[in-house]
Amino acid sequence: MSLAQDLKKVNNLQLAAKLVSDQVVLGLHNSKRSGTGAEFEQYRHYRPGDDPKSIDWKLFARTEKHQVRESATESTLTINFIIDLSGSMNYEEKGVSRLYFAKILLASFAYLGFKQSDNMNLFGLKNGKLELLASQGKQSFQKILYGLENAKAEGNWNFEKINFPEFQSKNKELLIFVSDFFQTNSEFYQLVNLWSRPGKQLLLFQILGEKEVSFEWDEVIKFKDLETGKSIELSPEETKNAYLKSFHGYLDDFENELKIENVHFYRCQLNDPIAEVLKNSLKKLKWS
């Protein structure tokens, strides 16, 4: 079960995230990192290349077996999730909104991060401002779920300034940004350029509707701007060719603008299986 329409019936964001994550073969990390921390995890056989100091010599004295003592280590990776909360995220097809798709996608990423003990924060971009919805620390996964469940999309961008210094640190960081990336000028492009730097990876998801991409309507359409509330009626026959040329031209230009080192762009549609979106996007990342 990974289609958003099916996951919506579950009516539980945590369970939906687990269902999606469990289908992902290639995950963010497939197990907790192991090292020489204080909390004991397990023994394993010594392998060539291991530090001899890691051998448990007391155990060797009893068993004459070279066993390496492993322990869980604190993650050095910080994952910052950003969800677009402008009004256009309320667009929906077949009962599934762009916002709901984004919530399941981010919750699934957060579940993987939780299993790995990564540091995680959740931010919302709304009315041109960045809002911290959940902070790292104890129960960060539960706080992220709560933040996502209660997040509402409304209004427009109204950027007063393109900055947000929260994401300009030099720490090792993964920034996951989910949006439709419909911009007034070039604000998204400016943000990505501002945030991209060595040691940081950006994973950007553009969520589109199938009808947005194909413009498959058979009757007069009433378009409503979900950010301003303005509406207009158009005939698909008169509009389709111009729309497709303009819209796909924008999509191509936007994707070309994002060909930046350590920036990974992934475009998906509301009818895509979320587990496949998650799995395929992870392949774009470069883990060290």
Protein backbone atom coordinates (compact mmCIF):
# COMPACT_ATOMS: atom_id res chain seq x y z
CA MET A 1 0.00 0.00 0.00
CA SER A 2 1.75 3.17 -1.15
CA LEU A 3 -0.78 5.12 -3.23
CA ALA A 4 -1.88 8.25 -1.41
CA GLN A 5 -5.55 7.37 -2.03
CA ASP A 6 -5.10 4.08 -0.16
CA LEU A 7 -2.97 5.56 2.61
CA LYS A 8 -5.61 8.20 3.25
CA LYS A 9 -8.01 5.43 4.27
CA VAL A 10 -5.60 4.42 7.04
CA ASN A 11 -6.32 7.79 8.68
CA ASN A 12 -3.12 7.56 10.73
CA LEU A 13 -0.04 9.44 9.60
CA GLN A 14 2.39 7.40 11.68
CA LEU A 15 1.05 4.09 10.36
CA ALA A 16 1.03 5.44 6.79
CA ALA A 17 4.67 6.50 7.18
CA LYS A 18 5.63 3.07 8.49
CA LEU A 19 3.79 1.30 5.67
CA VAL A 20 5.60 3.40 3.07
CA SER A 21 9.02 3.12 4.72
CA ASP A 22 8.75 -0.64 5.11
CA GLN A 23 8.38 -0.92 1.33
CA VAL A 24 11.57 0.97 0.69
CA VAL A 25 14.41 -1.44 -0.03
CA LEU A 26 17.06 1.24 -0.34
CA GLY A 27 16.55 3.48 2.68
CA LEU A 28 18.15 6.55 4.09
CA HIS A 29 20.20 4.13 6.21
CA ASN A 30 19.39 0.44 6.48
CA SER A 31 20.48 0.13 10.10
CA LYS A 32 21.82 2.17 12.98
CA ARG A 33 25.40 3.23 12.62
CA SER A 34 27.80 1.28 14.76
CA GLY A 35 30.94 2.52 16.41
CA THR A 36 32.72 2.67 19.73
CA GLY A 37 30.19 4.61 21.76
CA ALA A 38 29.30 3.91 25.36
CA GLU A 39 26.02 2.04 24.76
CA PHE A 40 26.71 -1.62 23.97
CA GLU A 41 24.83 -3.05 20.99
CA GLN A 42 26.33 -6.37 19.86
CA TYR A 43 29.38 -8.47 19.10
CA ARG A 44 30.55 -9.42 15.64
CA HIS A 45 33.51 -11.34 14.23
CA TYR A 46 36.75 -9.45 13.73
CA ARG A 47 37.34 -8.53 10.08
CA PRO A 48 40.62 -7.57 8.38
CA GLY A 49 40.99 -3.81 8.60
CA ASP A 50 39.27 -3.50 11.99
CA ASP A 51 41.19 -1.70 14.69
CA PRO A 52 42.68 -4.39 16.98
CA LYS A 53 41.78 -2.13 19.90
CA SER A 54 38.12 -2.84 19.19
CA ILE A 55 38.56 -6.56 20.02
CA ASP A 56 37.10 -7.60 23.35
CA TRP A 57 40.21 -9.26 24.80
CA LYS A 58 38.45 -10.40 27.97
CA LEU A 59 35.97 -12.32 25.81
CA PHE A 60 38.89 -13.70 23.78
CA ALA A 61 40.52 -14.98 26.97
CA ARG A 62 37.38 -17.01 27.70
CA THR A 63 36.43 -18.13 24.18
CA GLU A 64 39.61 -17.71 22.08
CA LYS A 65 37.43 -15.90 19.52
CA HIS A 66 38.24 -12.47 18.12
CA GLN A 67 35.01 -10.57 18.68
CA VAL A 68 34.55 -6.85 18.05
CA ARG A 69 32.36 -5.03 20.52
CA GLU A 70 30.00 -2.63 18.71
CA SER A 71 27.85 0.12 20.09
CA ALA A 72 25.32 2.61 18.79
CA THR A 73 26.67 6.07 18.09
CA GLU A 74 24.94 9.38 17.96
CA SER A 75 24.12 10.49 14.44
CA THR A 76 26.12 13.40 13.08
CA LEU A 77 23.51 14.05 10.39
CA THR A 78 20.85 16.71 10.78
CA ILE A 79 17.78 16.46 8.56
CA ASN A 80 15.77 19.63 8.12
CA PHE A 81 12.35 19.05 6.57
CA ILE A 82 10.60 22.00 4.92
CA ILE A 83 6.99 21.87 3.78
CA ASP A 84 5.42 24.50 1.55
CA LEU A 85 2.25 25.76 3.27
CA SER A 86 1.09 28.24 0.65
CA GLY A 87 -2.48 27.95 -0.59
CA SER A 88 -1.61 26.19 -3.84
CA MET A 89 -0.68 23.10 -1.81
CA ASN A 90 -4.43 22.53 -1.31
CA TYR A 91 -4.81 21.53 -4.96
CA GLU A 92 -6.22 18.00 -5.14
CA GLU A 93 -7.08 15.22 -7.57
CA LYS A 94 -9.12 12.10 -6.79
CA GLY A 95 -9.55 13.20 -3.21
CA VAL A 96 -5.82 13.59 -2.51
CA SER A 97 -4.35 17.04 -2.01
CA ARG A 98 -0.80 18.07 -2.73
CA LEU A 99 -0.51 18.90 0.97
CA TYR A 100 -1.55 15.42 2.08
CA PHE A 101 0.89 13.78 -0.34
CA ALA A 102 3.65 16.02 1.05
CA LYS A 103 2.75 15.10 4.64
CA ILE A 104 2.98 11.35 4.00
CA LEU A 105 6.25 11.77 2.09
CA LEU A 106 7.89 13.78 4.87
CA ALA A 107 6.49 11.53 7.60
CA SER A 108 8.00 8.53 5.80
CA PHE A 109 11.38 10.24 5.61
CA ALA A 110 11.09 11.14 9.29
CA TYR A 111 10.37 7.51 10.14
CA LEU A 112 13.60 6.46 8.41
CA GLY A 113 15.47 9.22 10.22
CA PHE A 114 13.95 8.12 13.52
CA LYS A 115 15.13 4.53 12.95
CA GLN A 116 18.61 5.87 12.29
CA SER A 117 18.60 8.27 15.28
CA ASP A 118 19.27 11.27 13.05
CA ASN A 119 18.67 14.79 14.30
CA MET A 120 15.48 16.13 12.71
CA ASN A 121 13.63 19.45 12.49
CA LEU A 122 10.43 20.37 10.66
CA PHE A 123 9.80 23.82 9.20
CA GLY A 124 6.83 25.30 7.39
CA LEU A 125 7.07 28.06 4.77
CA LYS A 126 3.96 30.17 5.00
CA ASN A 127 3.16 33.75 3.97
CA GLY A 128 6.81 34.41 3.26
CA LYS A 129 7.96 33.33 6.71
CA LEU A 130 9.74 30.27 8.03
CA GLU A 131 8.07 28.64 11.03
CA LEU A 132 9.63 25.93 13.22
CA LEU A 133 6.97 23.22 13.56
CA ALA A 134 9.05 20.57 15.37
CA SER A 135 12.55 20.66 16.82
CA GLN A 136 15.21 18.01 17.24
CA GLY A 137 15.72 16.24 20.54
CA LYS A 138 13.64 13.78 22.49
CA GLN A 139 10.55 12.50 20.68
CA SER A 140 11.40 14.52 17.58
CA PHE A 141 9.62 11.98 15.37
CA GLN A 142 6.39 12.30 17.34
CA LYS A 143 6.72 16.09 17.28
CA ILE A 144 7.19 16.02 13.51
CA LEU A 145 4.08 13.87 13.09
CA TYR A 146 2.10 16.29 15.25
CA GLY A 147 3.44 19.26 13.29
CA LEU A 148 2.52 17.67 9.98
CA GLU A 149 -0.94 16.59 11.11
CA ASN A 150 -1.79 20.12 12.19
CA ALA A 151 -0.17 21.98 9.30
CA LYS A 152 -2.61 23.94 7.14
CA ALA A 153 -1.89 25.52 3.76
CA GLU A 154 -3.20 29.02 3.06
CA GLY A 155 -2.17 32.39 1.67
CA ASN A 156 0.67 33.12 -0.72
CA TRP A 157 4.39 33.68 -0.56
CA ASN A 158 4.77 37.42 -0.01
CA PHE A 159 8.50 37.08 0.56
CA GLU A 160 9.80 40.12 2.37
CA LYS A 161 13.34 38.85 1.99
CA ILE A 162 15.02 35.73 0.65
CA ASN A 163 17.24 34.65 3.50
CA PHE A 164 16.36 32.19 6.29
CA PRO A 165 19.80 31.87 7.97
CA GLU A 166 18.65 28.69 9.78
CA PHE A 167 19.86 26.74 6.76
CA GLN A 168 23.12 28.54 6.15
CA SER A 169 25.23 26.65 8.69
CA LYS A 170 28.33 24.72 7.65
CA ASN A 171 27.27 21.55 9.50
CA LYS A 172 26.64 18.25 7.77
CA GLU A 173 22.99 18.53 6.80
CA LEU A 174 20.30 17.11 4.57
CA LEU A 175 17.61 19.59 3.60
CA ILE A 176 14.39 18.02 2.27
CA PHE A 177 12.01 20.55 0.73
CA VAL A 178 8.54 19.60 -0.56
CA SER A 179 6.54 22.07 -2.66
CA ASP A 180 4.83 22.65 -5.99
CA PHE A 181 7.55 25.24 -6.68
CA PHE A 182 5.12 27.64 -8.30
CA GLN A 183 6.92 30.93 -7.89
CA THR A 184 6.05 34.54 -8.62
CA ASN A 185 9.52 35.53 -9.70
CA SER A 186 12.56 33.40 -8.92
CA GLU A 187 12.28 33.09 -5.13
CA PHE A 188 12.73 29.32 -4.98
CA TYR A 189 15.77 29.43 -7.19
CA GLN A 190 17.24 32.15 -4.96
CA LEU A 191 16.58 30.09 -1.83
CA VAL A 192 18.23 26.98 -3.24
CA ASN A 193 21.29 28.96 -4.33
CA LEU A 194 21.49 30.56 -0.92
CA TRP A 195 21.25 27.26 0.95
CA SER A 196 23.51 25.07 -1.20
CA ARG A 197 27.04 24.78 0.13
CA PRO A 198 29.72 22.08 0.70
CA GLY A 199 28.72 19.48 3.28
CA LYS A 200 25.02 20.03 2.69
CA GLN A 201 22.70 18.13 0.39
CA LEU A 202 19.34 19.42 -0.79
CA LEU A 203 16.60 17.06 -1.89
CA LEU A 204 13.77 18.95 -3.57
CA PHE A 205 10.39 17.41 -4.36
CA GLN A 206 8.03 19.06 -6.80
CA ILE A 207 4.54 17.58 -6.45
CA LEU A 208 2.19 18.02 -9.40
CA GLY A 209 -1.24 16.75 -10.31
CA GLU A 210 -1.75 14.51 -13.32
CA LYS A 211 -4.26 16.96 -14.82
CA GLU A 212 -1.94 19.88 -14.14
CA VAL A 213 0.66 18.20 -16.32
CA SER A 214 -1.60 16.86 -19.08
CA PHE A 215 -4.46 19.41 -19.00
CA GLU A 216 -7.00 16.66 -19.64
CA TRP A 217 -10.37 18.36 -19.11
CA ASP A 218 -13.45 17.95 -21.30
CA GLU A 219 -15.61 20.87 -20.22
CA VAL A 220 -15.33 24.54 -19.35
CA ILE A 221 -13.00 24.83 -16.38
CA LYS A 222 -13.23 27.31 -13.56
CA PHE A 223 -9.71 27.98 -12.38
CA LYS A 224 -9.30 29.36 -8.88
CA ASP A 225 -6.04 30.75 -7.60
CA LEU A 226 -5.69 28.95 -4.27
CA GLU A 227 -3.44 31.67 -2.95
CA THR A 228 -5.34 34.83 -3.97
CA GLY A 229 -8.87 33.42 -4.31
CA LYS A 230 -9.34 34.89 -7.81
CA SER A 231 -11.06 32.69 -10.40
CA ILE A 232 -11.51 32.54 -14.17
CA GLU A 233 -13.44 30.26 -16.57
CA LEU A 234 -11.67 28.86 -19.61
CA SER A 235 -12.46 26.51 -22.48
CA PRO A 236 -9.94 23.63 -22.65
CA GLU A 237 -9.96 23.61 -26.45
CA GLU A 238 -8.92 27.25 -26.60
CA THR A 239 -6.45 27.05 -23.75
CA LYS A 240 -4.75 23.66 -23.82
CA ASN A 241 -1.95 24.26 -26.33
CA ALA A 242 -0.95 27.61 -24.87
CA TYR A 243 -1.13 26.21 -21.34
CA LEU A 244 0.97 23.15 -22.11
CA LYS A 245 3.61 25.19 -23.89
CA SER A 246 3.85 27.72 -21.07
CA PHE A 247 3.63 25.23 -18.21
CA HIS A 248 6.11 22.69 -19.55
CA GLY A 249 8.43 25.51 -20.57
CA TYR A 250 8.41 26.67 -16.96
CA LEU A 251 9.03 23.14 -15.67
CA ASP A 252 11.99 22.64 -17.99
CA ASP A 253 13.51 26.03 -17.13
CA PHE A 254 13.07 25.47 -13.41
CA GLU A 255 14.69 22.05 -13.50
CA ASN A 256 17.61 23.37 -15.54
CA GLU A 257 18.14 26.16 -13.01
CA LEU A 258 18.51 23.59 -10.25
CA LYS A 259 21.44 21.74 -11.79
CA ILE A 260 23.64 22.74 -8.89
CA GLU A 261 26.18 20.59 -7.06
CA ASN A 262 24.64 18.66 -4.14
CA VAL A 263 21.12 19.74 -5.16
CA HIS A 264 18.90 16.81 -6.13
CA PHE A 265 15.59 17.56 -7.80
CA TYR A 266 12.73 15.04 -8.00
CA ARG A 267 9.42 15.67 -9.75
CA CYS A 268 6.45 13.45 -8.90
CA GLN A 269 2.69 13.35 -9.37
CA LEU A 270 -0.19 12.78 -6.98
CA ASN A 271 -0.90 9.36 -8.52
CA ASP A 272 2.67 8.09 -8.02
CA PRO A 273 3.26 5.37 -5.37
CA ILE A 274 4.90 7.22 -2.49
CA ALA A 275 7.19 4.30 -1.65
CA GLU A 276 8.62 4.45 -5.19
CA VAL A 277 9.07 8.20 -4.94
CA LEU A 278 10.92 7.77 -1.67
CA LYS A 279 13.10 4.92 -2.89
CA ASN A 280 14.02 6.51 -6.22
CA SER A 281 14.80 9.88 -4.67
CA LEU A 282 17.16 8.31 -2.15
CA LYS A 283 19.24 6.98 -5.00
CA LYS A 284 20.07 10.56 -5.93
CA LEU A 285 21.81 11.20 -2.60
CA LYS A 286 25.52 10.68 -2.06
CA TRP A 287 26.21 9.14 1.32
CA SER A 288 29.69 9.07 2.77
